[in-house]
């Protein structure tokens, strides 16, 4: 009437302990690889480009700051940059505040 025999489900013959644990970690490894190529690698590339931009900055370059201020570099120190934003008006900003250099002649008013 009732079920007379209960059979335990055994592990499949093809999957050993090492293969099984590797298959469990495979999605985690794949997610890390995707995360690396989509988020981490491009950010490291942008940081390298910004470091090169700051190292190559020289007097006379036209730059844009984080705040959107446009101007010509008048003096470069180790940590600070003096930027001329209008004739006779200079401001001092941290070097890291400079986000981009512009092509020569972009700023016509100075």
PDB file of N, CA and C in Angstrom:
ATOM      1  N   UNK A   1       0.789  -1.183   0.000  1.00  0.00           N
ATOM      2  CA  UNK A   1       0.000   0.000   0.000  1.00  0.00           C
ATOM      3  C   UNK A   1       0.842   1.262   0.000  1.00  0.00           C
ATOM      4  N   UNK A   2       1.648   1.351   1.007  1.00  0.00           N
ATOM      5  CA  UNK A   2       2.519   2.500   1.082  1.00  0.00           C
ATOM      6  C   UNK A   2       3.840   2.177   0.413  1.00  0.00           C
ATOM      7  N   UNK A   3       4.641   3.180   0.277  1.00  0.00           N
ATOM      8  CA  UNK A   3       5.940   2.977  -0.346  1.00  0.00           C
ATOM      9  C   UNK A   3       6.773   2.103   0.583  1.00  0.00           C
ATOM     10  N   UNK A   4       7.246   1.043   0.031  1.00  0.00           N
ATOM     11  CA  UNK A   4       7.961   0.103   0.873  1.00  0.00           C
ATOM     12  C   UNK A   4       9.457   0.361   0.921  1.00  0.00           C
ATOM     13  N   UNK A   5       9.998   0.889  -0.120  1.00  0.00           N
ATOM     14  CA  UNK A   5      11.442   1.088  -0.154  1.00  0.00           C
ATOM     15  C   UNK A   5      11.747   2.570  -0.404  1.00  0.00           C
ATOM     16  N   UNK A   6      12.669   3.089   0.350  1.00  0.00           N
ATOM     17  CA  UNK A   6      13.142   4.448   0.154  1.00  0.00           C
ATOM     18  C   UNK A   6      14.592   4.365  -0.299  1.00  0.00           C
ATOM     19  N   UNK A   7      14.872   4.950  -1.434  1.00  0.00           N
ATOM     20  CA  UNK A   7      16.222   4.910  -1.978  1.00  0.00           C
ATOM     21  C   UNK A   7      16.861   6.281  -1.805  1.00  0.00           C
ATOM     22  N   UNK A   8      18.055   6.278  -1.297  1.00  0.00           N
ATOM     23  CA  UNK A   8      18.794   7.534  -1.136  1.00  0.00           C
ATOM     24  C   UNK A   8      19.352   7.931  -2.491  1.00  0.00           C
ATOM     25  N   UNK A   9      19.299   9.222  -2.741  1.00  0.00           N
ATOM     26  CA  UNK A   9      19.825   9.711  -4.013  1.00  0.00           C
ATOM     27  C   UNK A   9      21.323   9.913  -3.846  1.00  0.00           C
ATOM     28  N   UNK A  10      22.089   9.208  -4.630  1.00  0.00           N
ATOM     29  CA  UNK A  10      23.539   9.298  -4.540  1.00  0.00           C
ATOM     30  C   UNK A  10      24.071  10.369  -5.472  1.00  0.00           C
ATOM     31  N   UNK A  11      25.330  10.722  -5.272  1.00  0.00           N
ATOM     32  CA  UNK A  11      25.989  11.690  -6.140  1.00  0.00           C
ATOM     33  C   UNK A  11      26.185  11.077  -7.509  1.00  0.00           C
ATOM     34  N   UNK A  12      26.152  11.912  -8.516  1.00  0.00           N
ATOM     35  CA  UNK A  12      26.342  11.392  -9.867  1.00  0.00           C
ATOM     36  C   UNK A  12      27.778  10.900 -10.014  1.00  0.00           C
ATOM     37  N   UNK A  13      27.949   9.929 -10.858  1.00  0.00           N
ATOM     38  CA  UNK A  13      29.250   9.307 -11.007  1.00  0.00           C
ATOM     39  C   UNK A  13      30.245  10.232 -11.699  1.00  0.00           C
ATOM     40  N   UNK A  14      29.788  11.201 -12.490  1.00  0.00           N
ATOM     41  CA  UNK A  14      30.679  12.058 -13.273  1.00  0.00           C
ATOM     42  C   UNK A  14      31.304  13.193 -12.477  1.00  0.00           C
ATOM     43  N   UNK A  15      30.641  13.677 -11.444  1.00  0.00           N
ATOM     44  CA  UNK A  15      31.132  14.844 -10.718  1.00  0.00           C
ATOM     45  C   UNK A  15      31.903  14.414  -9.483  1.00  0.00           C
ATOM     46  N   UNK A  16      33.180  14.715  -9.469  1.00  0.00           N
ATOM     47  CA  UNK A  16      33.980  14.429  -8.284  1.00  0.00           C
ATOM     48  C   UNK A  16      33.969  15.647  -7.383  1.00  0.00           C
ATOM     49  N   UNK A  17      34.609  15.557  -6.243  1.00  0.00           N
ATOM     50  CA  UNK A  17      34.610  16.653  -5.280  1.00  0.00           C
ATOM     51  C   UNK A  17      35.259  17.916  -5.808  1.00  0.00           C
ATOM     52  N   UNK A  18      36.371  17.804  -6.512  1.00  0.00           N
ATOM     53  CA  UNK A  18      37.086  18.978  -7.023  1.00  0.00           C
ATOM     54  C   UNK A  18      36.299  19.636  -8.148  1.00  0.00           C
ATOM     55  N   UNK A  19      35.777  18.852  -9.056  1.00  0.00           N
ATOM     56  CA  UNK A  19      35.005  19.411 -10.171  1.00  0.00           C
ATOM     57  C   UNK A  19      33.751  20.091  -9.655  1.00  0.00           C
ATOM     58  N   UNK A  20      33.128  19.502  -8.660  1.00  0.00           N
ATOM     59  CA  UNK A  20      31.910  20.071  -8.108  1.00  0.00           C
ATOM     60  C   UNK A  20      32.183  21.421  -7.449  1.00  0.00           C
ATOM     61  N   UNK A  21      33.252  21.511  -6.662  1.00  0.00           N
ATOM     62  CA  UNK A  21      33.555  22.784  -6.005  1.00  0.00           C
ATOM     63  C   UNK A  21      33.975  23.841  -7.020  1.00  0.00           C
ATOM     64  N   UNK A  22      34.670  23.452  -8.074  1.00  0.00           N
ATOM     65  CA  UNK A  22      35.042  24.400  -9.126  1.00  0.00           C
ATOM     66  C   UNK A  22      33.811  24.920  -9.850  1.00  0.00           C
ATOM     67  N   UNK A  23      32.866  24.047 -10.092  1.00  0.00           N
ATOM     68  CA  UNK A  23      31.634  24.471 -10.768  1.00  0.00           C
ATOM     69  C   UNK A  23      30.812  25.406  -9.879  1.00  0.00           C
ATOM     70  N   UNK A  24      30.928  25.263  -8.560  1.00  0.00           N
ATOM     71  CA  UNK A  24      30.224  26.165  -7.656  1.00  0.00           C
ATOM     72  C   UNK A  24      30.840  27.559  -7.658  1.00  0.00           C
ATOM     73  N   UNK A  25      32.149  27.660  -7.824  1.00  0.00           N
ATOM     74  CA  UNK A  25      32.825  28.958  -7.825  1.00  0.00           C
ATOM     75  C   UNK A  25      32.913  29.593  -9.206  1.00  0.00           C
ATOM     76  N   UNK A  26      32.602  28.870 -10.246  1.00  0.00           N
ATOM     77  CA  UNK A  26      32.695  29.393 -11.607  1.00  0.00           C
ATOM     78  C   UNK A  26      31.825  30.629 -11.838  1.00  0.00           C
ATOM     79  N   UNK A  27      30.571  30.667 -11.379  1.00  0.00           N
ATOM     80  CA  UNK A  27      29.788  31.909 -11.554  1.00  0.00           C
ATOM     81  C   UNK A  27      30.397  33.104 -10.823  1.00  0.00           C
ATOM     82  N   UNK A  28      30.961  32.870  -9.651  1.00  0.00           N
ATOM     83  CA  UNK A  28      31.601  33.950  -8.889  1.00  0.00           C
ATOM     84  C   UNK A  28      32.826  34.483  -9.629  1.00  0.00           C
ATOM     85  N   UNK A  29      33.614  33.584 -10.178  1.00  0.00           N
ATOM     86  CA  UNK A  29      34.793  33.986 -10.948  1.00  0.00           C
ATOM     87  C   UNK A  29      34.379  34.746 -12.201  1.00  0.00           C
ATOM     88  N   UNK A  30      33.345  34.277 -12.869  1.00  0.00           N
ATOM     89  CA  UNK A  30      32.859  34.951 -14.084  1.00  0.00           C
ATOM     90  C   UNK A  30      32.324  36.345 -13.756  1.00  0.00           C
ATOM     91  N   UNK A  31      31.617  36.501 -12.635  1.00  0.00           N
ATOM     92  CA  UNK A  31      31.103  37.820 -12.252  1.00  0.00           C
ATOM     93  C   UNK A  31      32.247  38.776 -11.940  1.00  0.00           C
ATOM     94  N   UNK A  32      33.298  38.307 -11.267  1.00  0.00           N
ATOM     95  CA  UNK A  32      34.438  39.158 -10.980  1.00  0.00           C
ATOM     96  C   UNK A  32      35.133  39.583 -12.268  1.00  0.00           C
ATOM     97  N   UNK A  33      35.257  38.673 -13.235  1.00  0.00           N
ATOM     98  CA  UNK A  33      35.892  39.010 -14.509  1.00  0.00           C
ATOM     99  C   UNK A  33      35.089  40.078 -15.248  1.00  0.00           C
ATOM    100  N   UNK A  34      33.789  39.935 -15.273  1.00  0.00           N
ATOM    101  CA  UNK A  34      32.937  40.936 -15.931  1.00  0.00           C
ATOM    102  C   UNK A  34      33.049  42.269 -15.200  1.00  0.00           C
ATOM    103  N   UNK A  35      33.015  42.245 -13.882  1.00  0.00           N
ATOM    104  CA  UNK A  35      33.146  43.464 -13.085  1.00  0.00           C
ATOM    105  C   UNK A  35      34.479  44.150 -13.361  1.00  0.00           C
ATOM    106  N   UNK A  36      35.547  43.372 -13.464  1.00  0.00           N
ATOM    107  CA  UNK A  36      36.867  43.928 -13.733  1.00  0.00           C
ATOM    108  C   UNK A  36      36.899  44.645 -15.078  1.00  0.00           C
ATOM    109  N   UNK A  37      36.395  43.991 -16.129  1.00  0.00           N
ATOM    110  CA  UNK A  37      36.486  44.581 -17.460  1.00  0.00           C
ATOM    111  C   UNK A  37      35.478  45.697 -17.698  1.00  0.00           C
ATOM    112  N   UNK A  38      34.387  45.730 -16.952  1.00  0.00           N
ATOM    113  CA  UNK A  38      33.389  46.777 -17.154  1.00  0.00           C
ATOM    114  C   UNK A  38      33.615  47.977 -16.247  1.00  0.00           C
ATOM    115  N   UNK A  39      34.079  47.755 -15.006  1.00  0.00           N
ATOM    116  CA  UNK A  39      34.184  48.860 -14.061  1.00  0.00           C
ATOM    117  C   UNK A  39      35.607  49.194 -13.641  1.00  0.00           C
ATOM    118  N   UNK A  40      36.366  48.231 -13.213  1.00  0.00           N
ATOM    119  CA  UNK A  40      37.667  48.500 -12.601  1.00  0.00           C
ATOM    120  C   UNK A  40      38.692  48.937 -13.633  1.00  0.00           C
ATOM    121  N   UNK A  41      38.815  48.219 -14.725  1.00  0.00           N
ATOM    122  CA  UNK A  41      39.828  48.534 -15.740  1.00  0.00           C
ATOM    123  C   UNK A  41      39.630  49.917 -16.366  1.00  0.00           C
ATOM    124  N   UNK A  42      38.403  50.291 -16.780  1.00  0.00           N
ATOM    125  CA  UNK A  42      38.237  51.651 -17.329  1.00  0.00           C
ATOM    126  C   UNK A  42      38.546  52.752 -16.318  1.00  0.00           C
ATOM    127  N   UNK A  43      38.210  52.531 -15.031  1.00  0.00           N
ATOM    128  CA  UNK A  43      38.519  53.532 -14.017  1.00  0.00           C
ATOM    129  C   UNK A  43      40.023  53.690 -13.844  1.00  0.00           C
ATOM    130  N   UNK A  44      40.756  52.590 -13.856  1.00  0.00           N
ATOM    131  CA  UNK A  44      42.217  52.666 -13.745  1.00  0.00           C
ATOM    132  C   UNK A  44      42.805  53.384 -14.953  1.00  0.00           C
ATOM    133  N   UNK A  45      42.227  53.180 -16.124  1.00  0.00           N
ATOM    134  CA  UNK A  45      42.699  53.849 -17.335  1.00  0.00           C
ATOM    135  C   UNK A  45      42.471  55.355 -17.235  1.00  0.00           C
ATOM    136  N   UNK A  46      41.291  55.773 -16.735  1.00  0.00           N
ATOM    137  CA  UNK A  46      41.010  57.201 -16.566  1.00  0.00           C
ATOM    138  C   UNK A  46      41.956  57.831 -15.556  1.00  0.00           C
ATOM    139  N   UNK A  47      42.250  57.124 -14.464  1.00  0.00           N
ATOM    140  CA  UNK A  47      43.174  57.648 -13.462  1.00  0.00           C
ATOM    141  C   UNK A  47      44.571  57.830 -14.044  1.00  0.00           C
ATOM    142  N   UNK A  48      45.013  56.904 -14.865  1.00  0.00           N
ATOM    143  CA  UNK A  48      46.331  57.007 -15.492  1.00  0.00           C
ATOM    144  C   UNK A  48      46.381  58.191 -16.447  1.00  0.00           C
ATOM    145  N   UNK A  49      45.321  58.382 -17.243  1.00  0.00           N
ATOM    146  CA  UNK A  49      45.264  59.516 -18.164  1.00  0.00           C
ATOM    147  C   UNK A  49      45.275  60.835 -17.395  1.00  0.00           C
ATOM    148  N   UNK A  50      44.560  60.906 -16.258  1.00  0.00           N
ATOM    149  CA  UNK A  50      44.520  62.138 -15.469  1.00  0.00           C
ATOM    150  C   UNK A  50      45.888  62.433 -14.861  1.00  0.00           C
ATOM    151  N   UNK A  51      46.586  61.385 -14.370  1.00  0.00           N
ATOM    152  CA  UNK A  51      47.943  61.576 -13.849  1.00  0.00           C
ATOM    153  C   UNK A  51      48.867  62.115 -14.932  1.00  0.00           C
ATOM    154  N   UNK A  52      48.778  61.562 -16.142  1.00  0.00           N
ATOM    155  CA  UNK A  52      49.611  62.033 -17.249  1.00  0.00           C
ATOM    156  C   UNK A  52      49.268  63.467 -17.627  1.00  0.00           C
ATOM    157  N   UNK A  53      47.978  63.824 -17.578  1.00  0.00           N
ATOM    158  CA  UNK A  53      47.544  65.187 -17.875  1.00  0.00           C
ATOM    159  C   UNK A  53      48.143  66.164 -16.881  1.00  0.00           C
ATOM    160  N   UNK A  54      48.116  65.816 -15.599  1.00  0.00           N
ATOM    161  CA  UNK A  54      48.659  66.705 -14.570  1.00  0.00           C
ATOM    162  C   UNK A  54      50.178  66.806 -14.659  1.00  0.00           C
ATOM    163  N   UNK A  55      50.829  65.719 -15.007  1.00  0.00           N
ATOM    164  CA  UNK A  55      52.290  65.745 -15.123  1.00  0.00           C
ATOM    165  C   UNK A  55      52.744  66.570 -16.321  1.00  0.00           C
ATOM    166  N   UNK A  56      51.962  66.589 -17.375  1.00  0.00           N
ATOM    167  CA  UNK A  56      52.341  67.302 -18.601  1.00  0.00           C
ATOM    168  C   UNK A  56      51.873  68.754 -18.618  1.00  0.00           C
ATOM    169  N   UNK A  57      51.160  69.192 -17.579  1.00  0.00           N
ATOM    170  CA  UNK A  57      50.637  70.556 -17.557  1.00  0.00           C
ATOM    171  C   UNK A  57      51.781  71.566 -17.484  1.00  0.00           C
ATOM    172  N   UNK A  58      51.694  72.594 -18.313  1.00  0.00           N
ATOM    173  CA  UNK A  58      52.743  73.605 -18.359  1.00  0.00           C
ATOM    174  C   UNK A  58      52.119  74.994 -18.473  1.00  0.00           C
ATOM    175  N   UNK A  59      52.944  76.006 -18.288  1.00  0.00           N
ATOM    176  CA  UNK A  59      52.490  77.392 -18.393  1.00  0.00           C
ATOM    177  C   UNK A  59      51.968  77.652 -19.812  1.00  0.00           C
ATOM    178  N   UNK A  60      50.812  78.309 -19.891  1.00  0.00           N
ATOM    179  CA  UNK A  60      50.211  78.638 -21.178  1.00  0.00           C
ATOM    180  C   UNK A  60      49.140  77.656 -21.622  1.00  0.00           C
ATOM    181  N   UNK A  61      49.022  76.508 -20.952  1.00  0.00           N
ATOM    182  CA  UNK A  61      47.965  75.557 -21.298  1.00  0.00           C
ATOM    183  C   UNK A  61      46.608  76.130 -20.909  1.00  0.00           C
ATOM    184  N   UNK A  62      45.606  75.830 -21.709  1.00  0.00           N
ATOM    185  CA  UNK A  62      44.237  76.234 -21.400  1.00  0.00           C
ATOM    186  C   UNK A  62      43.551  75.038 -20.754  1.00  0.00           C
ATOM    187  N   UNK A  63      42.959  75.266 -19.570  1.00  0.00           N
ATOM    188  CA  UNK A  63      42.426  74.161 -18.782  1.00  0.00           C
ATOM    189  C   UNK A  63      41.004  74.431 -18.317  1.00  0.00           C
ATOM    190  N   UNK A  64      40.349  73.354 -17.878  1.00  0.00           N
ATOM    191  CA  UNK A  64      39.028  73.412 -17.259  1.00  0.00           C
ATOM    192  C   UNK A  64      39.149  72.781 -15.878  1.00  0.00           C
ATOM    193  N   UNK A  65      38.559  73.431 -14.862  1.00  0.00           N
ATOM    194  CA  UNK A  65      38.598  72.883 -13.503  1.00  0.00           C
ATOM    195  C   UNK A  65      37.320  72.094 -13.237  1.00  0.00           C
ATOM    196  N   UNK A  66      37.283  71.449 -12.058  1.00  0.00           N
ATOM    197  CA  UNK A  66      36.087  70.700 -11.646  1.00  0.00           C
ATOM    198  C   UNK A  66      34.854  71.584 -11.583  1.00  0.00           C
ATOM    199  N   UNK A  67      35.038  72.822 -11.200  1.00  0.00           N
ATOM    200  CA  UNK A  67      33.923  73.756 -11.079  1.00  0.00           C
ATOM    201  C   UNK A  67      33.483  74.362 -12.396  1.00  0.00           C
ATOM    202  N   UNK A  68      34.168  74.035 -13.485  1.00  0.00           N
ATOM    203  CA  UNK A  68      33.804  74.555 -14.791  1.00  0.00           C
ATOM    204  C   UNK A  68      34.492  75.861 -15.146  1.00  0.00           C
ATOM    205  N   UNK A  69      35.498  76.250 -14.409  1.00  0.00           N
ATOM    206  CA  UNK A  69      36.217  77.495 -14.676  1.00  0.00           C
ATOM    207  C   UNK A  69      37.232  77.247 -15.779  1.00  0.00           C
ATOM    208  N   UNK A  70      37.218  78.110 -16.783  1.00  0.00           N
ATOM    209  CA  UNK A  70      38.171  78.045 -17.889  1.00  0.00           C
ATOM    210  C   UNK A  70      39.251  79.076 -17.667  1.00  0.00           C
ATOM    211  N   UNK A  71      40.475  78.745 -18.024  1.00  0.00           N
ATOM    212  CA  UNK A  71      41.552  79.704 -17.897  1.00  0.00           C
ATOM    213  C   UNK A  71      42.858  79.168 -18.430  1.00  0.00           C
ATOM    214  N   UNK A  72      43.856  80.068 -18.436  1.00  0.00           N
ATOM    215  CA  UNK A  72      45.205  79.706 -18.882  1.00  0.00           C
ATOM    216  C   UNK A  72      46.087  79.525 -17.660  1.00  0.00           C
ATOM    217  N   UNK A  73      46.915  78.513 -17.699  1.00  0.00           N
ATOM    218  CA  UNK A  73      47.839  78.240 -16.607  1.00  0.00           C
ATOM    219  C   UNK A  73      48.938  79.293 -16.642  1.00  0.00           C
ATOM    220  N   UNK A  74      49.141  79.975 -15.499  1.00  0.00           N
ATOM    221  CA  UNK A  74      50.198  80.978 -15.434  1.00  0.00           C
ATOM    222  C   UNK A  74      51.393  80.503 -14.602  1.00  0.00           C
ATOM    223  N   UNK A  75      51.153  79.567 -13.676  1.00  0.00           N
ATOM    224  CA  UNK A  75      52.245  79.040 -12.863  1.00  0.00           C
ATOM    225  C   UNK A  75      51.857  77.649 -12.373  1.00  0.00           C
ATOM    226  N   UNK A  76      52.824  76.737 -12.407  1.00  0.00           N
ATOM    227  CA  UNK A  76      52.587  75.369 -11.955  1.00  0.00           C
ATOM    228  C   UNK A  76      53.540  75.051 -10.810  1.00  0.00           C
ATOM    229  N   UNK A  77      52.994  74.631  -9.669  1.00  0.00           N
ATOM    230  CA  UNK A  77      53.777  74.154  -8.531  1.00  0.00           C
ATOM    231  C   UNK A  77      53.569  72.653  -8.404  1.00  0.00           C
ATOM    232  N   UNK A  78      54.112  72.077  -7.336  1.00  0.00           N
ATOM    233  CA  UNK A  78      53.939  70.640  -7.118  1.00  0.00           C
ATOM    234  C   UNK A  78      52.486  70.277  -6.854  1.00  0.00           C
ATOM    235  N   UNK A  79      51.810  71.049  -6.001  1.00  0.00           N
ATOM    236  CA  UNK A  79      50.445  70.710  -5.598  1.00  0.00           C
ATOM    237  C   UNK A  79      49.407  71.708  -6.092  1.00  0.00           C
ATOM    238  N   UNK A  80      49.826  72.900  -6.504  1.00  0.00           N
ATOM    239  CA  UNK A  80      48.891  73.959  -6.880  1.00  0.00           C
ATOM    240  C   UNK A  80      49.199  74.512  -8.261  1.00  0.00           C
ATOM    241  N   UNK A  81      48.165  75.108  -8.863  1.00  0.00           N
ATOM    242  CA  UNK A  81      48.283  75.713 -10.186  1.00  0.00           C
ATOM    243  C   UNK A  81      47.630  77.087 -10.120  1.00  0.00           C
ATOM    244  N   UNK A  82      48.309  78.101 -10.639  1.00  0.00           N
ATOM    245  CA  UNK A  82      47.714  79.426 -10.774  1.00  0.00           C
ATOM    246  C   UNK A  82      47.105  79.518 -12.166  1.00  0.00           C
ATOM    247  N   UNK A  83      45.820  79.892 -12.215  1.00  0.00           N
ATOM    248  CA  UNK A  83      45.095  79.969 -13.485  1.00  0.00           C
ATOM    249  C   UNK A  83      44.603  81.397 -13.681  1.00  0.00           C
ATOM    250  N   UNK A  84      44.889  81.947 -14.845  1.00  0.00           N
ATOM    251  CA  UNK A  84      44.405  83.280 -15.195  1.00  0.00           C
ATOM    252  C   UNK A  84      43.047  83.118 -15.861  1.00  0.00           C
ATOM    253  N   UNK A  85      41.987  83.608 -15.178  1.00  0.00           N
ATOM    254  CA  UNK A  85      40.638  83.433 -15.700  1.00  0.00           C
ATOM    255  C   UNK A  85      40.140  84.672 -16.443  1.00  0.00           C
ATOM    256  N   UNK A  86      40.763  85.820 -16.203  1.00  0.00           N
ATOM    257  CA  UNK A  86      40.492  87.061 -16.929  1.00  0.00           C
ATOM    258  C   UNK A  86      41.779  87.865 -16.883  1.00  0.00           C
ATOM    259  N   UNK A  87      41.849  88.894 -17.684  1.00  0.00           N
ATOM    260  CA  UNK A  87      43.071  89.683 -17.717  1.00  0.00           C
ATOM    261  C   UNK A  87      43.312  90.314 -16.345  1.00  0.00           C
ATOM    262  N   UNK A  88      44.437  89.942 -15.724  1.00  0.00           N
ATOM    263  CA  UNK A  88      44.793  90.465 -14.417  1.00  0.00           C
ATOM    264  C   UNK A  88      44.147  89.727 -13.250  1.00  0.00           C
ATOM    265  N   UNK A  89      43.334  88.708 -13.509  1.00  0.00           N
ATOM    266  CA  UNK A  89      42.663  87.960 -12.439  1.00  0.00           C
ATOM    267  C   UNK A  89      43.191  86.527 -12.441  1.00  0.00           C
ATOM    268  N   UNK A  90      43.846  86.167 -11.341  1.00  0.00           N
ATOM    269  CA  UNK A  90      44.385  84.817 -11.220  1.00  0.00           C
ATOM    270  C   UNK A  90      43.804  84.142  -9.989  1.00  0.00           C
ATOM    271  N   UNK A  91      43.585  82.845 -10.108  1.00  0.00           N
ATOM    272  CA  UNK A  91      43.149  82.055  -8.964  1.00  0.00           C
ATOM    273  C   UNK A  91      44.131  80.904  -8.786  1.00  0.00           C
ATOM    274  N   UNK A  92      44.213  80.418  -7.556  1.00  0.00           N
ATOM    275  CA  UNK A  92      45.066  79.275  -7.256  1.00  0.00           C
ATOM    276  C   UNK A  92      44.164  78.098  -6.921  1.00  0.00           C
ATOM    277  N   UNK A  93      44.364  76.997  -7.601  1.00  0.00           N
ATOM    278  CA  UNK A  93      43.586  75.784  -7.353  1.00  0.00           C
ATOM    279  C   UNK A  93      44.540  74.614  -7.163  1.00  0.00           C
ATOM    280  N   UNK A  94      44.040  73.563  -6.550  1.00  0.00           N
ATOM    281  CA  UNK A  94      44.831  72.354  -6.442  1.00  0.00           C
ATOM    282  C   UNK A  94      44.977  71.735  -7.827  1.00  0.00           C
ATOM    283  N   UNK A  95      46.096  71.083  -8.024  1.00  0.00           N
ATOM    284  CA  UNK A  95      46.351  70.455  -9.316  1.00  0.00           C
ATOM    285  C   UNK A  95      45.283  69.419  -9.660  1.00  0.00           C
ATOM    286  N   UNK A  96      44.806  68.691  -8.653  1.00  0.00           N
ATOM    287  CA  UNK A  96      43.800  67.663  -8.901  1.00  0.00           C
ATOM    288  C   UNK A  96      42.461  68.229  -9.348  1.00  0.00           C
ATOM    289  N   UNK A  97      42.239  69.542  -9.150  1.00  0.00           N
ATOM    290  CA  UNK A  97      40.986  70.159  -9.557  1.00  0.00           C
ATOM    291  C   UNK A  97      40.922  70.385 -11.062  1.00  0.00           C
ATOM    292  N   UNK A  98      42.042  70.288 -11.747  1.00  0.00           N
ATOM    293  CA  UNK A  98      42.056  70.444 -13.208  1.00  0.00           C
ATOM    294  C   UNK A  98      41.592  69.138 -13.824  1.00  0.00           C
ATOM    295  N   UNK A  99      40.534  69.218 -14.642  1.00  0.00           N
ATOM    296  CA  UNK A  99      39.967  67.997 -15.220  1.00  0.00           C
ATOM    297  C   UNK A  99      40.375  67.771 -16.665  1.00  0.00           C
ATOM    298  N   UNK A 100      40.640  68.855 -17.415  1.00  0.00           N
ATOM    299  CA  UNK A 100      40.972  68.672 -18.830  1.00  0.00           C
ATOM    300  C   UNK A 100      41.778  69.845 -19.339  1.00  0.00           C
ATOM    301  N   UNK A 101      42.562  69.576 -20.359  1.00  0.00           N
ATOM    302  CA  UNK A 101      43.232  70.655 -21.077  1.00  0.00           C
ATOM    303  C   UNK A 101      42.487  70.863 -22.386  1.00  0.00           C
ATOM    304  N   UNK A 102      42.451  72.102 -22.817  1.00  0.00           N
ATOM    305  CA  UNK A 102      41.748  72.456 -24.051  1.00  0.00           C
ATOM    306  C   UNK A 102      42.760  72.716 -25.157  1.00  0.00           C
ATOM    307  N   UNK A 103      42.345  72.606 -26.401  1.00  0.00           N
ATOM    308  CA  UNK A 103      43.251  72.960 -27.495  1.00  0.00           C
ATOM    309  C   UNK A 103      43.615  74.440 -27.443  1.00  0.00           C
ATOM    310  N   UNK A 104      44.815  74.769 -27.904  1.00  0.00           N
ATOM    311  CA  UNK A 104      45.283  76.157 -27.889  1.00  0.00           C
ATOM    312  C   UNK A 104      44.325  77.018 -28.704  1.00  0.00           C
ATOM    313  N   UNK A 105      44.008  78.199 -28.168  1.00  0.00           N
ATOM    314  CA  UNK A 105      43.124  79.136 -28.856  1.00  0.00           C
ATOM    315  C   UNK A 105      41.663  78.937 -28.557  1.00  0.00           C
ATOM    316  N   UNK A 106      41.312  78.028 -27.680  1.00  0.00           N
ATOM    317  CA  UNK A 106      39.910  77.799 -27.341  1.00  0.00           C
ATOM    318  C   UNK A 106      39.327  78.990 -26.583  1.00  0.00           C
ATOM    319  N   UNK A 107      40.120  79.534 -25.664  1.00  0.00           N
ATOM    320  CA  UNK A 107      39.669  80.682 -24.873  1.00  0.00           C
ATOM    321  C   UNK A 107      40.127  81.942 -25.591  1.00  0.00           C
ATOM    322  N   UNK A 108      39.188  82.683 -26.137  1.00  0.00           N
ATOM    323  CA  UNK A 108      39.505  83.864 -26.939  1.00  0.00           C
ATOM    324  C   UNK A 108      39.583  85.130 -26.097  1.00  0.00           C
ATOM    325  N   UNK A 109      38.881  85.158 -24.938  1.00  0.00           N
ATOM    326  CA  UNK A 109      38.773  86.410 -24.170  1.00  0.00           C
ATOM    327  C   UNK A 109      40.040  86.762 -23.411  1.00  0.00           C
ATOM    328  N   UNK A 110      40.986  85.839 -23.231  1.00  0.00           N
ATOM    329  CA  UNK A 110      42.183  86.163 -22.457  1.00  0.00           C
ATOM    330  C   UNK A 110      43.266  86.695 -23.345  1.00  0.00           C
TER     331      UNK A 110
END
